[in-house]
Amino acid sequence: MTTRRSSRASASESRTERQTKQKHRKIWNIALGVFFFILGVIGILIPVMPQLVFFFLSLVFFSRVSPRLRRAVRRWRQRHPKVENAYRNWRRKSREKRLELIRRARKMRHDIQEKVEELTQKGA
């Protein structure tokens, strides 16, 4: 009986912890979106500074917060196939890089385990 209560309590604690993390993430994304939008406006006022990059970044951060904006961006990408293809290639390449890093880390872990086993067998 006590295990059920403790598991319920831990589940509710983890839920509230998750909700606070989501709230912090949402606030952080809004703050970054506003920051990059302001930099984009400054880029319009100062001709040397780029503005499209900052407006694009603000759009990315705002779309992480707003489902409506995310849907609009997704529809825009579908209407422009060149942008969609570039986006898909970018995602594919980043996924491949990430998987390659994971493979290397696993191989390194395996190599280290083998060396440790060799050393322990020599020492024994």
PDB file of N, CA and C in Angstrom:
ATOM      1  N   MET A   1       0.817  -1.186   0.000  1.00  0.00           N
ATOM      2  CA  MET A   1       0.000   0.000   0.000  1.00  0.00           C
ATOM      3  C   MET A   1       0.864   1.254   0.000  1.00  0.00           C
ATOM      4  N   THR A   2       1.938   1.225   0.752  1.00  0.00           N
ATOM      5  CA  THR A   2       2.798   2.410   0.793  1.00  0.00           C
ATOM      6  C   THR A   2       3.541   2.616  -0.521  1.00  0.00           C
ATOM      7  N   THR A   3       3.814   1.517  -1.233  1.00  0.00           N
ATOM      8  CA  THR A   3       4.511   1.663  -2.510  1.00  0.00           C
ATOM      9  C   THR A   3       3.625   2.359  -3.536  1.00  0.00           C
ATOM     10  N   ARG A   4       2.322   2.088  -3.496  1.00  0.00           N
ATOM     11  CA  ARG A   4       1.418   2.766  -4.429  1.00  0.00           C
ATOM     12  C   ARG A   4       1.375   4.252  -4.135  1.00  0.00           C
ATOM     13  N   ARG A   5       1.290   4.606  -2.866  1.00  0.00           N
ATOM     14  CA  ARG A   5       1.249   6.021  -2.518  1.00  0.00           C
ATOM     15  C   ARG A   5       2.543   6.704  -2.919  1.00  0.00           C
ATOM     16  N   SER A   6       3.673   6.065  -2.670  1.00  0.00           N
ATOM     17  CA  SER A   6       4.941   6.695  -3.012  1.00  0.00           C
ATOM     18  C   SER A   6       5.109   6.797  -4.517  1.00  0.00           C
ATOM     19  N   SER A   7       4.626   5.787  -5.259  1.00  0.00           N
ATOM     20  CA  SER A   7       4.741   5.862  -6.715  1.00  0.00           C
ATOM     21  C   SER A   7       3.812   6.938  -7.265  1.00  0.00           C
ATOM     22  N   ARG A   8       2.629   7.094  -6.661  1.00  0.00           N
ATOM     23  CA  ARG A   8       1.722   8.156  -7.092  1.00  0.00           C
ATOM     24  C   ARG A   8       2.325   9.515  -6.788  1.00  0.00           C
ATOM     25  N   ALA A   9       2.925   9.629  -5.625  1.00  0.00           N
ATOM     26  CA  ALA A   9       3.532  10.896  -5.251  1.00  0.00           C
ATOM     27  C   ALA A   9       4.697  11.227  -6.178  1.00  0.00           C
ATOM     28  N   SER A  10       5.517  10.232  -6.481  1.00  0.00           N
ATOM     29  CA  SER A  10       6.639  10.486  -7.375  1.00  0.00           C
ATOM     30  C   SER A  10       6.156  10.793  -8.792  1.00  0.00           C
ATOM     31  N   ALA A  11       5.052  10.155  -9.207  1.00  0.00           N
ATOM     32  CA  ALA A  11       4.512  10.434 -10.538  1.00  0.00           C
ATOM     33  C   ALA A  11       3.989  11.862 -10.619  1.00  0.00           C
ATOM     34  N   SER A  12       3.306  12.310  -9.561  1.00  0.00           N
ATOM     35  CA  SER A  12       2.796  13.678  -9.584  1.00  0.00           C
ATOM     36  C   SER A  12       3.939  14.684  -9.490  1.00  0.00           C
ATOM     37  N   GLU A  13       4.995  14.329  -8.730  1.00  0.00           N
ATOM     38  CA  GLU A  13       6.154  15.214  -8.659  1.00  0.00           C
ATOM     39  C   GLU A  13       6.847  15.300 -10.011  1.00  0.00           C
ATOM     40  N   SER A  14       6.987  14.166 -10.694  1.00  0.00           N
ATOM     41  CA  SER A  14       7.637  14.190 -12.000  1.00  0.00           C
ATOM     42  C   SER A  14       6.779  14.947 -13.009  1.00  0.00           C
ATOM     43  N   ARG A  15       5.455  14.850 -12.885  1.00  0.00           N
ATOM     44  CA  ARG A  15       4.562  15.572 -13.780  1.00  0.00           C
ATOM     45  C   ARG A  15       4.711  17.076 -13.579  1.00  0.00           C
ATOM     46  N   THR A  16       4.723  17.513 -12.327  1.00  0.00           N
ATOM     47  CA  THR A  16       4.872  18.947 -12.074  1.00  0.00           C
ATOM     48  C   THR A  16       6.261  19.426 -12.489  1.00  0.00           C
ATOM     49  N   GLU A  17       7.260  18.574 -12.289  1.00  0.00           N
ATOM     50  CA  GLU A  17       8.613  18.930 -12.716  1.00  0.00           C
ATOM     51  C   GLU A  17       8.665  19.067 -14.239  1.00  0.00           C
ATOM     52  N   ARG A  18       8.015  18.164 -14.946  1.00  0.00           N
ATOM     53  CA  ARG A  18       7.957  18.215 -16.403  1.00  0.00           C
ATOM     54  C   ARG A  18       7.229  19.479 -16.864  1.00  0.00           C
ATOM     55  N   GLN A  19       6.136  19.817 -16.185  1.00  0.00           N
ATOM     56  CA  GLN A  19       5.374  21.002 -16.558  1.00  0.00           C
ATOM     57  C   GLN A  19       6.191  22.271 -16.350  1.00  0.00           C
ATOM     58  N   THR A  20       6.957  22.328 -15.261  1.00  0.00           N
ATOM     59  CA  THR A  20       7.780  23.515 -15.043  1.00  0.00           C
ATOM     60  C   THR A  20       8.895  23.596 -16.081  1.00  0.00           C
ATOM     61  N   LYS A  21       9.471  22.445 -16.473  1.00  0.00           N
ATOM     62  CA  LYS A  21      10.493  22.453 -17.530  1.00  0.00           C
ATOM     63  C   LYS A  21       9.894  22.945 -18.837  1.00  0.00           C
ATOM     64  N   GLN A  22       8.677  22.479 -19.157  1.00  0.00           N
ATOM     65  CA  GLN A  22       8.027  22.917 -20.387  1.00  0.00           C
ATOM     66  C   GLN A  22       7.745  24.415 -20.349  1.00  0.00           C
ATOM     67  N   LYS A  23       7.325  24.901 -19.190  1.00  0.00           N
ATOM     68  CA  LYS A  23       7.047  26.325 -19.053  1.00  0.00           C
ATOM     69  C   LYS A  23       8.322  27.140 -19.209  1.00  0.00           C
ATOM     70  N   HIS A  24       9.420  26.672 -18.605  1.00  0.00           N
ATOM     71  CA  HIS A  24      10.706  27.365 -18.740  1.00  0.00           C
ATOM     72  C   HIS A  24      11.175  27.351 -20.187  1.00  0.00           C
ATOM     73  N   ARG A  25      11.006  26.216 -20.867  1.00  0.00           N
ATOM     74  CA  ARG A  25      11.404  26.102 -22.262  1.00  0.00           C
ATOM     75  C   ARG A  25      10.586  27.052 -23.129  1.00  0.00           C
ATOM     76  N   LYS A  26       9.292  27.151 -22.840  1.00  0.00           N
ATOM     77  CA  LYS A  26       8.417  28.034 -23.607  1.00  0.00           C
ATOM     78  C   LYS A  26       8.823  29.493 -23.407  1.00  0.00           C
ATOM     79  N   ILE A  27       9.088  29.867 -22.169  1.00  0.00           N
ATOM     80  CA  ILE A  27       9.520  31.236 -21.881  1.00  0.00           C
ATOM     81  C   ILE A  27      10.850  31.526 -22.569  1.00  0.00           C
ATOM     82  N   TRP A  28      11.765  30.577 -22.517  1.00  0.00           N
ATOM     83  CA  TRP A  28      13.079  30.734 -23.137  1.00  0.00           C
ATOM     84  C   TRP A  28      12.935  30.896 -24.651  1.00  0.00           C
ATOM     85  N   ASN A  29      12.070  30.101 -25.287  1.00  0.00           N
ATOM     86  CA  ASN A  29      11.864  30.216 -26.731  1.00  0.00           C
ATOM     87  C   ASN A  29      11.249  31.560 -27.102  1.00  0.00           C
ATOM     88  N   ILE A  30      10.312  32.044 -26.300  1.00  0.00           N
ATOM     89  CA  ILE A  30       9.715  33.357 -26.564  1.00  0.00           C
ATOM     90  C   ILE A  30      10.768  34.449 -26.419  1.00  0.00           C
ATOM     91  N   ALA A  31      11.589  34.359 -25.366  1.00  0.00           N
ATOM     92  CA  ALA A  31      12.629  35.371 -25.154  1.00  0.00           C
ATOM     93  C   ALA A  31      13.626  35.382 -26.314  1.00  0.00           C
ATOM     94  N   LEU A  32      14.032  34.212 -26.761  1.00  0.00           N
ATOM     95  CA  LEU A  32      14.963  34.153 -27.893  1.00  0.00           C
ATOM     96  C   LEU A  32      14.307  34.661 -29.175  1.00  0.00           C
ATOM     97  N   GLY A  33      13.034  34.368 -29.376  1.00  0.00           N
ATOM     98  CA  GLY A  33      12.321  34.868 -30.548  1.00  0.00           C
ATOM     99  C   GLY A  33      12.261  36.384 -30.558  1.00  0.00           C
ATOM    100  N   VAL A  34      11.958  36.970 -29.402  1.00  0.00           N
ATOM    101  CA  VAL A  34      11.914  38.432 -29.296  1.00  0.00           C
ATOM    102  C   VAL A  34      13.305  39.014 -29.530  1.00  0.00           C
ATOM    103  N   PHE A  35      14.319  38.407 -28.947  1.00  0.00           N
ATOM    104  CA  PHE A  35      15.701  38.887 -29.098  1.00  0.00           C
ATOM    105  C   PHE A  35      16.118  38.905 -30.565  1.00  0.00           C
ATOM    106  N   PHE A  36      15.879  37.808 -31.269  1.00  0.00           N
ATOM    107  CA  PHE A  36      16.276  37.744 -32.671  1.00  0.00           C
ATOM    108  C   PHE A  36      15.426  38.661 -33.542  1.00  0.00           C
ATOM    109  N   PHE A  37      14.161  38.865 -33.166  1.00  0.00           N
ATOM    110  CA  PHE A  37      13.329  39.798 -33.912  1.00  0.00           C
ATOM    111  C   PHE A  37      13.869  41.218 -33.765  1.00  0.00           C
ATOM    112  N   ILE A  38      14.255  41.579 -32.557  1.00  0.00           N
ATOM    113  CA  ILE A  38      14.837  42.909 -32.320  1.00  0.00           C
ATOM    114  C   ILE A  38      16.135  43.064 -33.111  1.00  0.00           C
ATOM    115  N   LEU A  39      16.953  42.020 -33.135  1.00  0.00           N
ATOM    116  CA  LEU A  39      18.178  42.093 -33.943  1.00  0.00           C
ATOM    117  C   LEU A  39      17.851  42.256 -35.424  1.00  0.00           C
ATOM    118  N   GLY A  40      16.784  41.633 -35.894  1.00  0.00           N
ATOM    119  CA  GLY A  40      16.362  41.803 -37.286  1.00  0.00           C
ATOM    120  C   GLY A  40      15.937  43.224 -37.574  1.00  0.00           C
ATOM    121  N   VAL A  41      15.208  43.833 -36.641  1.00  0.00           N
ATOM    122  CA  VAL A  41      14.802  45.235 -36.815  1.00  0.00           C
ATOM    123  C   VAL A  41      16.027  46.137 -36.819  1.00  0.00           C
ATOM    124  N   ILE A  42      16.975  45.870 -35.931  1.00  0.00           N
ATOM    125  CA  ILE A  42      18.222  46.639 -35.922  1.00  0.00           C
ATOM    126  C   ILE A  42      18.957  46.437 -37.246  1.00  0.00           C
ATOM    127  N   GLY A  43      18.900  45.237 -37.803  1.00  0.00           N
ATOM    128  CA  GLY A  43      19.518  44.961 -39.096  1.00  0.00           C
ATOM    129  C   GLY A  43      18.889  45.772 -40.216  1.00  0.00           C
ATOM    130  N   ILE A  44      17.589  46.059 -40.109  1.00  0.00           N
ATOM    131  CA  ILE A  44      16.945  46.912 -41.111  1.00  0.00           C
ATOM    132  C   ILE A  44      17.475  48.339 -40.988  1.00  0.00           C
ATOM    133  N   LEU A  45      17.673  48.801 -39.761  1.00  0.00           N
ATOM    134  CA  LEU A  45      18.139  50.172 -39.538  1.00  0.00           C
ATOM    135  C   LEU A  45      19.609  50.345 -39.887  1.00  0.00           C
ATOM    136  N   ILE A  46      20.417  49.325 -39.677  1.00  0.00           N
ATOM    137  CA  ILE A  46      21.845  49.372 -39.987  1.00  0.00           C
ATOM    138  C   ILE A  46      22.063  48.523 -41.241  1.00  0.00           C
ATOM    139  N   PRO A  47      22.436  49.159 -42.340  1.00  0.00           N
ATOM    140  CA  PRO A  47      22.509  48.410 -43.605  1.00  0.00           C
ATOM    141  C   PRO A  47      23.600  47.342 -43.655  1.00  0.00           C
ATOM    142  N   VAL A  48      24.609  47.408 -42.808  1.00  0.00           N
ATOM    143  CA  VAL A  48      25.699  46.439 -42.856  1.00  0.00           C
ATOM    144  C   VAL A  48      25.278  45.113 -42.229  1.00  0.00           C
ATOM    145  N   MET A  49      24.377  45.177 -41.281  1.00  0.00           N
ATOM    146  CA  MET A  49      23.974  43.990 -40.522  1.00  0.00           C
ATOM    147  C   MET A  49      22.882  43.216 -41.264  1.00  0.00           C
ATOM    148  N   PRO A  50      22.969  41.878 -41.321  1.00  0.00           N
ATOM    149  CA  PRO A  50      21.926  41.111 -42.014  1.00  0.00           C
ATOM    150  C   PRO A  50      20.646  41.080 -41.191  1.00  0.00           C
ATOM    151  N   GLN A  51      19.511  41.030 -41.895  1.00  0.00           N
ATOM    152  CA  GLN A  51      18.258  40.976 -41.149  1.00  0.00           C
ATOM    153  C   GLN A  51      17.492  39.674 -41.378  1.00  0.00           C
ATOM    154  N   LEU A  52      17.604  39.074 -42.544  1.00  0.00           N
ATOM    155  CA  LEU A  52      16.818  37.877 -42.835  1.00  0.00           C
ATOM    156  C   LEU A  52      17.175  36.712 -41.907  1.00  0.00           C
ATOM    157  N   VAL A  53      18.444  36.574 -41.586  1.00  0.00           N
ATOM    158  CA  VAL A  53      18.867  35.479 -40.707  1.00  0.00           C
ATOM    159  C   VAL A  53      18.193  35.620 -39.344  1.00  0.00           C
ATOM    160  N   PHE A  54      18.157  36.837 -38.820  1.00  0.00           N
ATOM    161  CA  PHE A  54      17.571  37.042 -37.495  1.00  0.00           C
ATOM    162  C   PHE A  54      16.055  36.873 -37.519  1.00  0.00           C
ATOM    163  N   PHE A  55      15.407  37.342 -38.593  1.00  0.00           N
ATOM    164  CA  PHE A  55      13.965  37.131 -38.697  1.00  0.00           C
ATOM    165  C   PHE A  55      13.645  35.641 -38.830  1.00  0.00           C
ATOM    166  N   PHE A  56      14.456  34.916 -39.578  1.00  0.00           N
ATOM    167  CA  PHE A  56      14.260  33.471 -39.713  1.00  0.00           C
ATOM    168  C   PHE A  56      14.411  32.783 -38.349  1.00  0.00           C
ATOM    169  N   LEU A  57      15.441  33.163 -37.593  1.00  0.00           N
ATOM    170  CA  LEU A  57      15.633  32.559 -36.269  1.00  0.00           C
ATOM    171  C   LEU A  57      14.471  32.884 -35.330  1.00  0.00           C
ATOM    172  N   SER A  58      13.971  34.120 -35.384  1.00  0.00           N
ATOM    173  CA  SER A  58      12.830  34.457 -34.534  1.00  0.00           C
ATOM    174  C   SER A  58      11.609  33.636 -34.936  1.00  0.00           C
ATOM    175  N   LEU A  59      11.427  33.412 -36.246  1.00  0.00           N
ATOM    176  CA  LEU A  59      10.325  32.571 -36.715  1.00  0.00           C
ATOM    177  C   LEU A  59      10.459  31.148 -36.186  1.00  0.00           C
ATOM    178  N   VAL A  60      11.678  30.617 -36.188  1.00  0.00           N
ATOM    179  CA  VAL A  60      11.914  29.257 -35.680  1.00  0.00           C
ATOM    180  C   VAL A  60      11.539  29.168 -34.203  1.00  0.00           C
ATOM    181  N   PHE A  61      12.011  30.119 -33.398  1.00  0.00           N
ATOM    182  CA  PHE A  61      11.735  30.058 -31.962  1.00  0.00           C
ATOM    183  C   PHE A  61      10.262  30.300 -31.654  1.00  0.00           C
ATOM    184  N   PHE A  62       9.615  31.215 -32.390  1.00  0.00           N
ATOM    185  CA  PHE A  62       8.187  31.430 -32.162  1.00  0.00           C
ATOM    186  C   PHE A  62       7.367  30.222 -32.604  1.00  0.00           C
ATOM    187  N   SER A  63       7.801  29.537 -33.664  1.00  0.00           N
ATOM    188  CA  SER A  63       7.047  28.370 -34.120  1.00  0.00           C
ATOM    189  C   SER A  63       7.171  27.206 -33.144  1.00  0.00           C
ATOM    190  N   ARG A  64       8.210  27.204 -32.323  1.00  0.00           N
ATOM    191  CA  ARG A  64       8.328  26.154 -31.306  1.00  0.00           C
ATOM    192  C   ARG A  64       7.333  26.357 -30.181  1.00  0.00           C
ATOM    193  N   VAL A  65       6.796  27.581 -30.071  1.00  0.00           N
ATOM    194  CA  VAL A  65       5.843  27.896 -29.006  1.00  0.00           C
ATOM    195  C   VAL A  65       4.406  27.826 -29.514  1.00  0.00           C
ATOM    196  N   SER A  66       4.177  28.285 -30.742  1.00  0.00           N
ATOM    197  CA  SER A  66       2.826  28.411 -31.266  1.00  0.00           C
ATOM    198  C   SER A  66       2.510  27.310 -32.283  1.00  0.00           C
ATOM    199  N   PRO A  67       1.552  26.438 -31.990  1.00  0.00           N
ATOM    200  CA  PRO A  67       1.169  25.402 -32.954  1.00  0.00           C
ATOM    201  C   PRO A  67       0.586  25.996 -34.243  1.00  0.00           C
ATOM    202  N   ARG A  68      -0.109  27.119 -34.129  1.00  0.00           N
ATOM    203  CA  ARG A  68      -0.707  27.759 -35.301  1.00  0.00           C
ATOM    204  C   ARG A  68       0.385  28.249 -36.257  1.00  0.00           C
ATOM    205  N   LEU A  69       1.405  28.882 -35.718  1.00  0.00           N
ATOM    206  CA  LEU A  69       2.521  29.345 -36.540  1.00  0.00           C
ATOM    207  C   LEU A  69       3.290  28.158 -37.125  1.00  0.00           C
ATOM    208  N   ARG A  70       3.440  27.089 -36.348  1.00  0.00           N
ATOM    209  CA  ARG A  70       4.125  25.887 -36.833  1.00  0.00           C
ATOM    210  C   ARG A  70       3.388  25.292 -38.035  1.00  0.00           C
ATOM    211  N   ARG A  71       2.048  25.248 -37.953  1.00  0.00           N
ATOM    212  CA  ARG A  71       1.256  24.742 -39.084  1.00  0.00           C
ATOM    213  C   ARG A  71       1.415  25.640 -40.307  1.00  0.00           C
ATOM    214  N   ALA A  72       1.438  26.962 -40.087  1.00  0.00           N
ATOM    215  CA  ALA A  72       1.589  27.901 -41.202  1.00  0.00           C
ATOM    216  C   ALA A  72       2.946  27.719 -41.877  1.00  0.00           C
ATOM    217  N   VAL A  73       3.983  27.531 -41.090  1.00  0.00           N
ATOM    218  CA  VAL A  73       5.319  27.312 -41.653  1.00  0.00           C
ATOM    219  C   VAL A  73       5.351  25.998 -42.424  1.00  0.00           C
ATOM    220  N   ARG A  74       4.728  24.966 -41.878  1.00  0.00           N
ATOM    221  CA  ARG A  74       4.692  23.671 -42.556  1.00  0.00           C
ATOM    222  C   ARG A  74       3.939  23.779 -43.883  1.00  0.00           C
ATOM    223  N   ARG A  75       2.805  24.516 -43.908  1.00  0.00           N
ATOM    224  CA  ARG A  75       2.059  24.707 -45.150  1.00  0.00           C
ATOM    225  C   ARG A  75       2.885  25.494 -46.167  1.00  0.00           C
ATOM    226  N   TRP A  76       3.621  26.502 -45.697  1.00  0.00           N
ATOM    227  CA  TRP A  76       4.462  27.303 -46.588  1.00  0.00           C
ATOM    228  C   TRP A  76       5.552  26.433 -47.208  1.00  0.00           C
ATOM    229  N   ARG A  77       6.142  25.559 -46.383  1.00  0.00           N
ATOM    230  CA  ARG A  77       7.165  24.655 -46.904  1.00  0.00           C
ATOM    231  C   ARG A  77       6.587  23.722 -47.956  1.00  0.00           C
ATOM    232  N   GLN A  78       5.367  23.262 -47.757  1.00  0.00           N
ATOM    233  CA  GLN A  78       4.746  22.357 -48.723  1.00  0.00           C
ATOM    234  C   GLN A  78       4.444  23.064 -50.044  1.00  0.00           C
ATOM    235  N   ARG A  79       4.148  24.362 -49.987  1.00  0.00           N
ATOM    236  CA  ARG A  79       3.883  25.111 -51.205  1.00  0.00           C
ATOM    237  C   ARG A  79       5.149  25.450 -51.980  1.00  0.00           C
ATOM    238  N   HIS A  80       6.294  25.391 -51.290  1.00  0.00           N
ATOM    239  CA  HIS A  80       7.568  25.717 -51.932  1.00  0.00           C
ATOM    240  C   HIS A  80       8.472  24.482 -51.876  1.00  0.00           C
ATOM    241  N   PRO A  81       8.434  23.656 -52.930  1.00  0.00           N
ATOM    242  CA  PRO A  81       9.147  22.373 -52.881  1.00  0.00           C
ATOM    243  C   PRO A  81      10.668  22.506 -52.780  1.00  0.00           C
ATOM    244  N   LYS A  82      11.247  23.571 -53.324  1.00  0.00           N
ATOM    245  CA  LYS A  82      12.691  23.731 -53.212  1.00  0.00           C
ATOM    246  C   LYS A  82      13.102  23.927 -51.760  1.00  0.00           C
ATOM    247  N   VAL A  83      12.337  24.725 -51.048  1.00  0.00           N
ATOM    248  CA  VAL A  83      12.619  24.943 -49.627  1.00  0.00           C
ATOM    249  C   VAL A  83      12.419  23.643 -48.855  1.00  0.00           C
ATOM    250  N   GLU A  84      11.362  22.912 -49.184  1.00  0.00           N
ATOM    251  CA  GLU A  84      11.086  21.635 -48.510  1.00  0.00           C
ATOM    252  C   GLU A  84      12.215  20.640 -48.734  1.00  0.00           C
ATOM    253  N   ASN A  85      12.711  20.567 -49.984  1.00  0.00           N
ATOM    254  CA  ASN A  85      13.810  19.647 -50.274  1.00  0.00           C
ATOM    255  C   ASN A  85      15.076  20.050 -49.537  1.00  0.00           C
ATOM    256  N   ALA A  86      15.366  21.344 -49.502  1.00  0.00           N
ATOM    257  CA  ALA A  86      16.548  21.819 -48.777  1.00  0.00           C
ATOM    258  C   ALA A  86      16.416  21.496 -47.291  1.00  0.00           C
ATOM    259  N   TYR A  87      15.214  21.685 -46.747  1.00  0.00           N
ATOM    260  CA  TYR A  87      14.975  21.397 -45.332  1.00  0.00           C
ATOM    261  C   TYR A  87      15.146  19.908 -45.047  1.00  0.00           C
ATOM    262  N   ARG A  88      14.585  19.073 -45.904  1.00  0.00           N
ATOM    263  CA  ARG A  88      14.711  17.621 -45.704  1.00  0.00           C
ATOM    264  C   ARG A  88      16.169  17.156 -45.804  1.00  0.00           C
ATOM    265  N   ASN A  89      16.921  17.712 -46.772  1.00  0.00           N
ATOM    266  CA  ASN A  89      18.335  17.365 -46.889  1.00  0.00           C
ATOM    267  C   ASN A  89      19.108  17.799 -45.651  1.00  0.00           C
ATOM    268  N   TRP A  90      18.798  18.992 -45.166  1.00  0.00           N
ATOM    269  CA  TRP A  90      19.463  19.494 -43.961  1.00  0.00           C
ATOM    270  C   TRP A  90      19.173  18.578 -42.775  1.00  0.00           C
ATOM    271  N   ARG A  91      17.910  18.179 -42.608  1.00  0.00           N
ATOM    272  CA  ARG A  91      17.545  17.279 -41.508  1.00  0.00           C
ATOM    273  C   ARG A  91      18.220  15.917 -41.657  1.00  0.00           C
ATOM    274  N   ARG A  92      18.270  15.397 -42.889  1.00  0.00           N
ATOM    275  CA  ARG A  92      18.882  14.096 -43.138  1.00  0.00           C
ATOM    276  C   ARG A  92      20.367  14.130 -42.812  1.00  0.00           C
ATOM    277  N   LYS A  93      21.053  15.190 -43.259  1.00  0.00           N
ATOM    278  CA  LYS A  93      22.484  15.297 -42.980  1.00  0.00           C
ATOM    279  C   LYS A  93      22.758  15.429 -41.493  1.00  0.00           C
ATOM    280  N   SER A  94      21.955  16.218 -40.809  1.00  0.00           N
ATOM    281  CA  SER A  94      22.182  16.368 -39.366  1.00  0.00           C
ATOM    282  C   SER A  94      21.896  15.053 -38.637  1.00  0.00           C
ATOM    283  N   ARG A  95      20.893  14.298 -39.086  1.00  0.00           N
ATOM    284  CA  ARG A  95      20.592  13.003 -38.480  1.00  0.00           C
ATOM    285  C   ARG A  95      21.744  12.028 -38.707  1.00  0.00           C
ATOM    286  N   GLU A  96      22.303  12.041 -39.931  1.00  0.00           N
ATOM    287  CA  GLU A  96      23.432  11.160 -40.229  1.00  0.00           C
ATOM    288  C   GLU A  96      24.649  11.511 -39.373  1.00  0.00           C
ATOM    289  N   LYS A  97      24.918  12.800 -39.204  1.00  0.00           N
ATOM    290  CA  LYS A  97      26.046  13.228 -38.362  1.00  0.00           C
ATOM    291  C   LYS A  97      25.840  12.767 -36.920  1.00  0.00           C
ATOM    292  N   ARG A  98      24.615  12.945 -36.437  1.00  0.00           N
ATOM    293  CA  ARG A  98      24.311  12.552 -35.060  1.00  0.00           C
ATOM    294  C   ARG A  98      24.477  11.052 -34.874  1.00  0.00           C
ATOM    295  N   LEU A  99      23.986  10.266 -35.826  1.00  0.00           N
ATOM    296  CA  LEU A  99      24.116   8.811 -35.728  1.00  0.00           C
ATOM    297  C   LEU A  99      25.571   8.374 -35.822  1.00  0.00           C
ATOM    298  N   GLU A 100      26.357   9.063 -36.647  1.00  0.00           N
ATOM    299  CA  GLU A 100      27.776   8.740 -36.753  1.00  0.00           C
ATOM    300  C   GLU A 100      28.500   9.019 -35.431  1.00  0.00           C
ATOM    301  N   LEU A 101      28.140  10.128 -34.776  1.00  0.00           N
ATOM    302  CA  LEU A 101      28.738  10.413 -33.467  1.00  0.00           C
ATOM    303  C   LEU A 101      28.376   9.335 -32.449  1.00  0.00           C
ATOM    304  N   ILE A 102      27.145   8.875 -32.491  1.00  0.00           N
ATOM    305  CA  ILE A 102      26.714   7.824 -31.570  1.00  0.00           C
ATOM    306  C   ILE A 102      27.477   6.535 -31.856  1.00  0.00           C
ATOM    307  N   ARG A 103      27.635   6.190 -33.137  1.00  0.00           N
ATOM    308  CA  ARG A 103      28.392   4.985 -33.490  1.00  0.00           C
ATOM    309  C   ARG A 103      29.830   5.076 -33.002  1.00  0.00           C
ATOM    310  N   ARG A 104      30.450   6.227 -33.210  1.00  0.00           N
ATOM    311  CA  ARG A 104      31.837   6.408 -32.757  1.00  0.00           C
ATOM    312  C   ARG A 104      31.948   6.281 -31.247  1.00  0.00           C
ATOM    313  N   ALA A 105      30.991   6.869 -30.525  1.00  0.00           N
ATOM    314  CA  ALA A 105      31.026   6.790 -29.069  1.00  0.00           C
ATOM    315  C   ALA A 105      30.864   5.350 -28.595  1.00  0.00           C
ATOM    316  N   ARG A 106      29.974   4.606 -29.227  1.00  0.00           N
ATOM    317  CA  ARG A 106      29.778   3.202 -28.846  1.00  0.00           C
ATOM    318  C   ARG A 106      31.016   2.374 -29.140  1.00  0.00           C
ATOM    319  N   LYS A 107      31.646   2.635 -30.290  1.00  0.00           N
ATOM    320  CA  LYS A 107      32.868   1.914 -30.636  1.00  0.00           C
ATOM    321  C   LYS A 107      33.974   2.256 -29.643  1.00  0.00           C
ATOM    322  N   MET A 108      34.073   3.532 -29.279  1.00  0.00           N
ATOM    323  CA  MET A 108      35.085   3.944 -28.312  1.00  0.00           C
ATOM    324  C   MET A 108      34.839   3.272 -26.962  1.00  0.00           C
ATOM    325  N   ARG A 109      33.578   3.196 -26.557  1.00  0.00           N
ATOM    326  CA  ARG A 109      33.239   2.538 -25.291  1.00  0.00           C
ATOM    327  C   ARG A 109      33.633   1.072 -25.344  1.00  0.00           C
ATOM    328  N   HIS A 110      33.354   0.422 -26.478  1.00  0.00           N
ATOM    329  CA  HIS A 110      33.692  -0.990 -26.641  1.00  0.00           C
ATOM    330  C   HIS A 110      35.211  -1.189 -26.583  1.00  0.00           C
ATOM    331  N   ASP A 111      35.956  -0.300 -27.266  1.00  0.00           N
ATOM    332  CA  ASP A 111      37.421  -0.391 -27.248  1.00  0.00           C
ATOM    333  C   ASP A 111      37.974  -0.204 -25.839  1.00  0.00           C
ATOM    334  N   ILE A 112      37.405   0.727 -25.100  1.00  0.00           N
ATOM    335  CA  ILE A 112      37.863   0.971 -23.731  1.00  0.00           C
ATOM    336  C   ILE A 112      37.574  -0.233 -22.856  1.00  0.00           C
ATOM    337  N   GLN A 113      36.390  -0.834 -23.020  1.00  0.00           N
ATOM    338  CA  GLN A 113      36.057  -2.021 -22.237  1.00  0.00           C
ATOM    339  C   GLN A 113      37.019  -3.163 -22.530  1.00  0.00           C
ATOM    340  N   GLU A 114      37.382  -3.337 -23.796  1.00  0.00           N
ATOM    341  CA  GLU A 114      38.340  -4.388 -24.150  1.00  0.00           C
ATOM    342  C   GLU A 114      39.696  -4.130 -23.501  1.00  0.00           C
ATOM    343  N   LYS A 115      40.159  -2.899 -23.522  1.00  0.00           N
ATOM    344  CA  LYS A 115      41.458  -2.575 -22.927  1.00  0.00           C
ATOM    345  C   LYS A 115      41.441  -2.775 -21.424  1.00  0.00           C
ATOM    346  N   VAL A 116      40.349  -2.419 -20.781  1.00  0.00           N
ATOM    347  CA  VAL A 116      40.222  -2.618 -19.339  1.00  0.00           C
ATOM    348  C   VAL A 116      40.250  -4.107 -19.026  1.00  0.00           C
ATOM    349  N   GLU A 117      39.543  -4.913 -19.826  1.00  0.00           N
ATOM    350  CA  GLU A 117      39.546  -6.364 -19.603  1.00  0.00           C
ATOM    351  C   GLU A 117      40.950  -6.933 -19.800  1.00  0.00           C
ATOM    352  N   GLU A 118      41.685  -6.464 -20.799  1.00  0.00           N
ATOM    353  CA  GLU A 118      43.047  -6.923 -21.021  1.00  0.00           C
ATOM    354  C   GLU A 118      43.946  -6.602 -19.819  1.00  0.00           C
ATOM    355  N   LEU A 119      43.796  -5.371 -19.321  1.00  0.00           N
ATOM    356  CA  LEU A 119      44.624  -4.946 -18.188  1.00  0.00           C
ATOM    357  C   LEU A 119      44.267  -5.751 -16.912  1.00  0.00           C
ATOM    358  N   THR A 120      42.984  -6.008 -16.713  1.00  0.00           N
ATOM    359  CA  THR A 120      42.600  -6.758 -15.523  1.00  0.00           C
ATOM    360  C   THR A 120      43.060  -8.220 -15.627  1.00  0.00           C
ATOM    361  N   GLN A 121      43.076  -8.769 -16.844  1.00  0.00           N
ATOM    362  CA  GLN A 121      43.555 -10.142 -17.007  1.00  0.00           C
ATOM    363  C   GLN A 121      45.058 -10.223 -16.828  1.00  0.00           C
ATOM    364  N   LYS A 122      45.799  -9.210 -17.269  1.00  0.00           N
ATOM    365  CA  LYS A 122      47.240  -9.190 -17.082  1.00  0.00           C
ATOM    366  C   LYS A 122      47.598  -9.020 -15.609  1.00  0.00           C
ATOM    367  N   GLY A 123      46.804  -8.211 -14.919  1.00  0.00           N
ATOM    368  CA  GLY A 123      47.077  -7.960 -13.510  1.00  0.00           C
ATOM    369  C   GLY A 123      46.694  -9.141 -12.630  1.00  0.00           C
ATOM    370  N   ALA A 124      45.777  -9.967 -13.072  1.00  0.00           N
ATOM    371  CA  ALA A 124      45.305 -11.093 -12.255  1.00  0.00           C
ATOM    372  C   ALA A 124      46.159 -12.276 -12.386  1.00  0.00           C
TER     373      ALA A 124
END
